Amino acid sequence: MCRVKKEHVLIISVCCLFVFLCVGIALASERLSVRSSVANLRNGSGIKYKVLWQVERYHPFLVINKKQDWYEVKDFEGDTAWIHKTMLEKTDTVISIKSKCNVRSKPDKDADILLRVERGVPFKVIGRKGDWINIEHADGEVGWIFKTLVW
């Protein structure tokens, strides 16, 4: 009878560990983006905290912690800060991670270059085709960017 109980304890322990890992992965992988034209990033979870920097619409973040109505987020450079949850939304977005990224007229390396963007420019994703991402900037410009150029 003790053997059966030990097996049950082991099974329950493994199941609990699996649930905790899944919850942790789900929280860590929650990706949200800025919904307003400009948003403040702070060094704490409240408006009394110092503004560290500002970002523009579509800037993507990974949520790493939640404290009431405030989310601690991490950006593509690994920097962390706090932002109010009303400034975020669940929209598929990307941000350029290289200097002078070509945004093209169609998903082809030989297509016309519509514009070149510097590192740190956020875009809304409006479609995907193979290794290419159809993007839209907050100012309305639309084009295609290769997936290795964004986060």
C-alpha atoms as a PDB file:
ATOM      1  CA  MET A   1       0.000   0.000   0.000  1.00  0.00           C
ATOM      2  CA  CYS A   2       2.890   2.379   0.665  1.00  0.00           C
ATOM      3  CA  ARG A   3       4.229   1.703  -2.832  1.00  0.00           C
ATOM      4  CA  VAL A   4       0.989   2.856  -4.448  1.00  0.00           C
ATOM      5  CA  LYS A   5       0.982   6.053  -2.392  1.00  0.00           C
ATOM      6  CA  LYS A   6       4.576   6.838  -3.363  1.00  0.00           C
ATOM      7  CA  GLU A   7       3.725   6.380  -7.037  1.00  0.00           C
ATOM      8  CA  HIS A   8       0.728   8.685  -6.675  1.00  0.00           C
ATOM      9  CA  VAL A   9       2.867  11.288  -4.924  1.00  0.00           C
ATOM     10  CA  LEU A  10       5.404  11.127  -7.742  1.00  0.00           C
ATOM     11  CA  ILE A  11       2.709  11.483 -10.412  1.00  0.00           C
ATOM     12  CA  ILE A  12       1.090  14.407  -8.598  1.00  0.00           C
ATOM     13  CA  SER A  13       4.477  16.073  -8.109  1.00  0.00           C
ATOM     14  CA  VAL A  14       5.354  15.759 -11.786  1.00  0.00           C
ATOM     15  CA  CYS A  15       1.936  17.136 -12.802  1.00  0.00           C
ATOM     16  CA  CYS A  16       2.293  20.128 -10.450  1.00  0.00           C
ATOM     17  CA  LEU A  17       5.770  20.869 -11.758  1.00  0.00           C
ATOM     18  CA  PHE A  18       4.458  20.739 -15.328  1.00  0.00           C
ATOM     19  CA  VAL A  19       1.602  23.159 -14.506  1.00  0.00           C
ATOM     20  CA  PHE A  20       3.954  25.644 -12.800  1.00  0.00           C
ATOM     21  CA  LEU A  21       6.377  25.526 -15.729  1.00  0.00           C
ATOM     22  CA  CYS A  22       3.571  26.107 -18.233  1.00  0.00           C
ATOM     23  CA  VAL A  23       2.237  29.095 -16.270  1.00  0.00           C
ATOM     24  CA  GLY A  24       5.737  30.573 -16.062  1.00  0.00           C
ATOM     25  CA  ILE A  25       6.359  30.093 -19.781  1.00  0.00           C
ATOM     26  CA  ALA A  26       2.969  31.598 -20.657  1.00  0.00           C
ATOM     27  CA  LEU A  27       3.657  34.715 -18.587  1.00  0.00           C
ATOM     28  CA  ALA A  28       7.199  35.082 -19.899  1.00  0.00           C
ATOM     29  CA  SER A  29       6.100  34.710 -23.498  1.00  0.00           C
ATOM     30  CA  GLU A  30       3.178  37.142 -23.364  1.00  0.00           C
ATOM     31  CA  ARG A  31       4.002  39.727 -25.990  1.00  0.00           C
ATOM     32  CA  LEU A  32       2.138  43.024 -26.059  1.00  0.00           C
ATOM     33  CA  SER A  33       2.628  46.287 -27.926  1.00  0.00           C
ATOM     34  CA  VAL A  34       2.058  49.972 -27.277  1.00  0.00           C
ATOM     35  CA  ARG A  35      -1.391  51.152 -28.329  1.00  0.00           C
ATOM     36  CA  SER A  36      -0.992  54.926 -27.860  1.00  0.00           C
ATOM     37  CA  SER A  37       1.079  57.311 -29.977  1.00  0.00           C
ATOM     38  CA  VAL A  38       3.571  57.740 -27.101  1.00  0.00           C
ATOM     39  CA  ALA A  39       3.951  55.798 -23.846  1.00  0.00           C
ATOM     40  CA  ASN A  40       6.105  56.384 -20.770  1.00  0.00           C
ATOM     41  CA  LEU A  41       8.292  53.606 -19.369  1.00  0.00           C
ATOM     42  CA  ARG A  42       8.984  53.986 -15.639  1.00  0.00           C
ATOM     43  CA  ASN A  43      11.359  52.577 -13.057  1.00  0.00           C
ATOM     44  CA  GLY A  44       8.475  51.414 -10.859  1.00  0.00           C
ATOM     45  CA  SER A  45       4.822  50.419 -10.911  1.00  0.00           C
ATOM     46  CA  GLY A  46       3.117  53.800 -10.556  1.00  0.00           C
ATOM     47  CA  ILE A  47       2.989  57.354 -11.889  1.00  0.00           C
ATOM     48  CA  LYS A  48       5.093  58.577  -8.950  1.00  0.00           C
ATOM     49  CA  TYR A  49       8.074  56.705 -10.413  1.00  0.00           C
ATOM     50  CA  LYS A  50      10.571  58.329 -12.741  1.00  0.00           C
ATOM     51  CA  VAL A  51      10.021  58.144 -16.520  1.00  0.00           C
ATOM     52  CA  LEU A  52      13.040  56.302 -17.928  1.00  0.00           C
ATOM     53  CA  TRP A  53      12.194  56.656 -21.611  1.00  0.00           C
ATOM     54  CA  GLN A  54       9.299  56.948 -24.039  1.00  0.00           C
ATOM     55  CA  VAL A  55       8.295  54.727 -26.941  1.00  0.00           C
ATOM     56  CA  GLU A  56       5.961  55.085 -29.888  1.00  0.00           C
ATOM     57  CA  ARG A  57       2.978  53.109 -31.107  1.00  0.00           C
ATOM     58  CA  TYR A  58       3.505  49.409 -31.966  1.00  0.00           C
ATOM     59  CA  HIS A  59       6.649  49.095 -29.818  1.00  0.00           C
ATOM     60  CA  PRO A  60       6.696  45.392 -28.771  1.00  0.00           C
ATOM     61  CA  PHE A  61       7.435  44.120 -25.265  1.00  0.00           C
ATOM     62  CA  LEU A  62       7.556  40.836 -23.392  1.00  0.00           C
ATOM     63  CA  VAL A  63       5.657  40.899 -20.101  1.00  0.00           C
ATOM     64  CA  ILE A  64       7.870  39.647 -17.271  1.00  0.00           C
ATOM     65  CA  ASN A  65       5.846  40.699 -14.210  1.00  0.00           C
ATOM     66  CA  LYS A  66       2.453  42.121 -13.274  1.00  0.00           C
ATOM     67  CA  LYS A  67       1.625  44.263 -10.254  1.00  0.00           C
ATOM     68  CA  GLN A  68      -2.034  45.354 -10.157  1.00  0.00           C
ATOM     69  CA  ASP A  69      -2.545  47.588 -13.246  1.00  0.00           C
ATOM     70  CA  TRP A  70       1.184  47.828 -14.056  1.00  0.00           C
ATOM     71  CA  TYR A  71       3.251  45.517 -16.221  1.00  0.00           C
ATOM     72  CA  GLU A  72       6.998  45.095 -16.002  1.00  0.00           C
ATOM     73  CA  VAL A  73       8.185  44.597 -19.561  1.00  0.00           C
ATOM     74  CA  LYS A  74      11.365  43.760 -21.437  1.00  0.00           C
ATOM     75  CA  ASP A  75      12.228  45.213 -24.831  1.00  0.00           C
ATOM     76  CA  PHE A  76      14.296  43.908 -27.743  1.00  0.00           C
ATOM     77  CA  GLU A  77      17.494  45.226 -26.157  1.00  0.00           C
ATOM     78  CA  GLY A  78      16.828  43.453 -22.854  1.00  0.00           C
ATOM     79  CA  ASP A  79      15.960  46.670 -20.991  1.00  0.00           C
ATOM     80  CA  THR A  80      13.163  46.438 -18.415  1.00  0.00           C
ATOM     81  CA  ALA A  81      10.712  49.031 -17.147  1.00  0.00           C
ATOM     82  CA  TRP A  82       7.107  49.442 -15.999  1.00  0.00           C
ATOM     83  CA  ILE A  83       4.128  50.561 -18.072  1.00  0.00           C
ATOM     84  CA  HIS A  84       0.425  50.898 -17.264  1.00  0.00           C
ATOM     85  CA  LYS A  85      -1.692  48.121 -18.771  1.00  0.00           C
ATOM     86  CA  THR A  86      -3.976  50.615 -20.573  1.00  0.00           C
ATOM     87  CA  MET A  87      -1.019  51.600 -22.768  1.00  0.00           C
ATOM     88  CA  LEU A  88      -0.710  48.047 -24.141  1.00  0.00           C
ATOM     89  CA  GLU A  89      -2.664  45.804 -26.484  1.00  0.00           C
ATOM     90  CA  LYS A  90      -2.364  42.354 -28.005  1.00  0.00           C
ATOM     91  CA  THR A  91      -1.344  43.286 -31.558  1.00  0.00           C
ATOM     92  CA  ASP A  92       1.255  41.430 -33.614  1.00  0.00           C
ATOM     93  CA  THR A  93       4.168  43.851 -33.948  1.00  0.00           C
ATOM     94  CA  VAL A  94       7.891  43.792 -34.698  1.00  0.00           C
ATOM     95  CA  ILE A  95      10.791  46.206 -34.260  1.00  0.00           C
ATOM     96  CA  SER A  96      13.868  46.656 -36.449  1.00  0.00           C
ATOM     97  CA  ILE A  97      17.048  45.351 -34.825  1.00  0.00           C
ATOM     98  CA  LYS A  98      19.641  46.374 -37.437  1.00  0.00           C
ATOM     99  CA  SER A  99      20.761  49.710 -38.848  1.00  0.00           C
ATOM    100  CA  LYS A 100      19.544  50.629 -42.318  1.00  0.00           C
ATOM    101  CA  CYS A 101      16.908  47.915 -42.756  1.00  0.00           C
ATOM    102  CA  ASN A 102      15.361  47.844 -46.206  1.00  0.00           C
ATOM    103  CA  VAL A 103      11.587  47.904 -46.399  1.00  0.00           C
ATOM    104  CA  ARG A 104      10.608  46.617 -49.826  1.00  0.00           C
ATOM    105  CA  SER A 105       7.596  46.880 -52.129  1.00  0.00           C
ATOM    106  CA  LYS A 106       7.026  43.114 -52.151  1.00  0.00           C
ATOM    107  CA  PRO A 107       8.435  39.997 -50.427  1.00  0.00           C
ATOM    108  CA  ASP A 108      11.487  39.659 -52.669  1.00  0.00           C
ATOM    109  CA  LYS A 109      15.148  40.600 -52.070  1.00  0.00           C
ATOM    110  CA  ASP A 110      15.246  42.217 -55.522  1.00  0.00           C
ATOM    111  CA  ALA A 111      12.049  44.268 -55.054  1.00  0.00           C
ATOM    112  CA  ASP A 112      12.185  48.071 -54.943  1.00  0.00           C
ATOM    113  CA  ILE A 113      13.309  49.584 -51.643  1.00  0.00           C
ATOM    114  CA  LEU A 114      10.512  51.822 -50.354  1.00  0.00           C
ATOM    115  CA  LEU A 115      12.433  53.107 -47.344  1.00  0.00           C
ATOM    116  CA  ARG A 116      15.351  52.371 -45.049  1.00  0.00           C
ATOM    117  CA  VAL A 117      14.794  52.353 -41.323  1.00  0.00           C
ATOM    118  CA  GLU A 118      17.215  52.551 -38.448  1.00  0.00           C
ATOM    119  CA  ARG A 119      17.375  50.217 -35.483  1.00  0.00           C
ATOM    120  CA  GLY A 120      14.430  50.500 -33.094  1.00  0.00           C
ATOM    121  CA  VAL A 121      11.555  51.356 -35.453  1.00  0.00           C
ATOM    122  CA  PRO A 122       8.336  49.508 -34.535  1.00  0.00           C
ATOM    123  CA  PHE A 123       5.767  48.196 -37.014  1.00  0.00           C
ATOM    124  CA  LYS A 124       2.398  46.472 -36.949  1.00  0.00           C
ATOM    125  CA  VAL A 125       2.403  43.088 -38.707  1.00  0.00           C
ATOM    126  CA  ILE A 126      -0.307  42.890 -41.355  1.00  0.00           C
ATOM    127  CA  GLY A 127       0.771  39.639 -42.985  1.00  0.00           C
ATOM    128  CA  ARG A 128       3.495  37.065 -43.514  1.00  0.00           C
ATOM    129  CA  LYS A 129       4.764  35.203 -46.553  1.00  0.00           C
ATOM    130  CA  GLY A 130       7.596  32.746 -46.029  1.00  0.00           C
ATOM    131  CA  ASP A 131      10.531  34.596 -44.459  1.00  0.00           C
ATOM    132  CA  TRP A 132       8.978  38.014 -45.189  1.00  0.00           C
ATOM    133  CA  ILE A 133       6.740  40.146 -42.983  1.00  0.00           C
ATOM    134  CA  ASN A 134       4.244  42.657 -44.353  1.00  0.00           C
ATOM    135  CA  ILE A 135       4.466  45.658 -42.031  1.00  0.00           C
ATOM    136  CA  GLU A 136       2.779  48.988 -41.410  1.00  0.00           C
ATOM    137  CA  HIS A 137       4.332  51.930 -39.583  1.00  0.00           C
ATOM    138  CA  ALA A 138       2.212  54.137 -37.309  1.00  0.00           C
ATOM    139  CA  ASP A 139       2.378  56.866 -39.981  1.00  0.00           C
ATOM    140  CA  GLY A 140       0.701  54.532 -42.489  1.00  0.00           C
ATOM    141  CA  GLU A 141       3.685  53.463 -44.589  1.00  0.00           C
ATOM    142  CA  VAL A 142       3.425  49.824 -45.678  1.00  0.00           C
ATOM    143  CA  GLY A 143       6.023  47.409 -47.025  1.00  0.00           C
ATOM    144  CA  TRP A 144       7.840  44.119 -46.579  1.00  0.00           C
ATOM    145  CA  ILE A 145      10.814  43.351 -44.336  1.00  0.00           C
ATOM    146  CA  PHE A 146      12.908  40.192 -44.006  1.00  0.00           C
ATOM    147  CA  LYS A 147      12.277  38.369 -40.719  1.00  0.00           C
ATOM    148  CA  THR A 148      15.929  38.374 -39.540  1.00  0.00           C
ATOM    149  CA  LEU A 149      15.881  42.194 -39.468  1.00  0.00           C
ATOM    150  CA  VAL A 150      13.226  42.389 -36.738  1.00  0.00           C
ATOM    151  CA  TRP A 151      12.415  41.160 -33.222  1.00  0.00           C
END
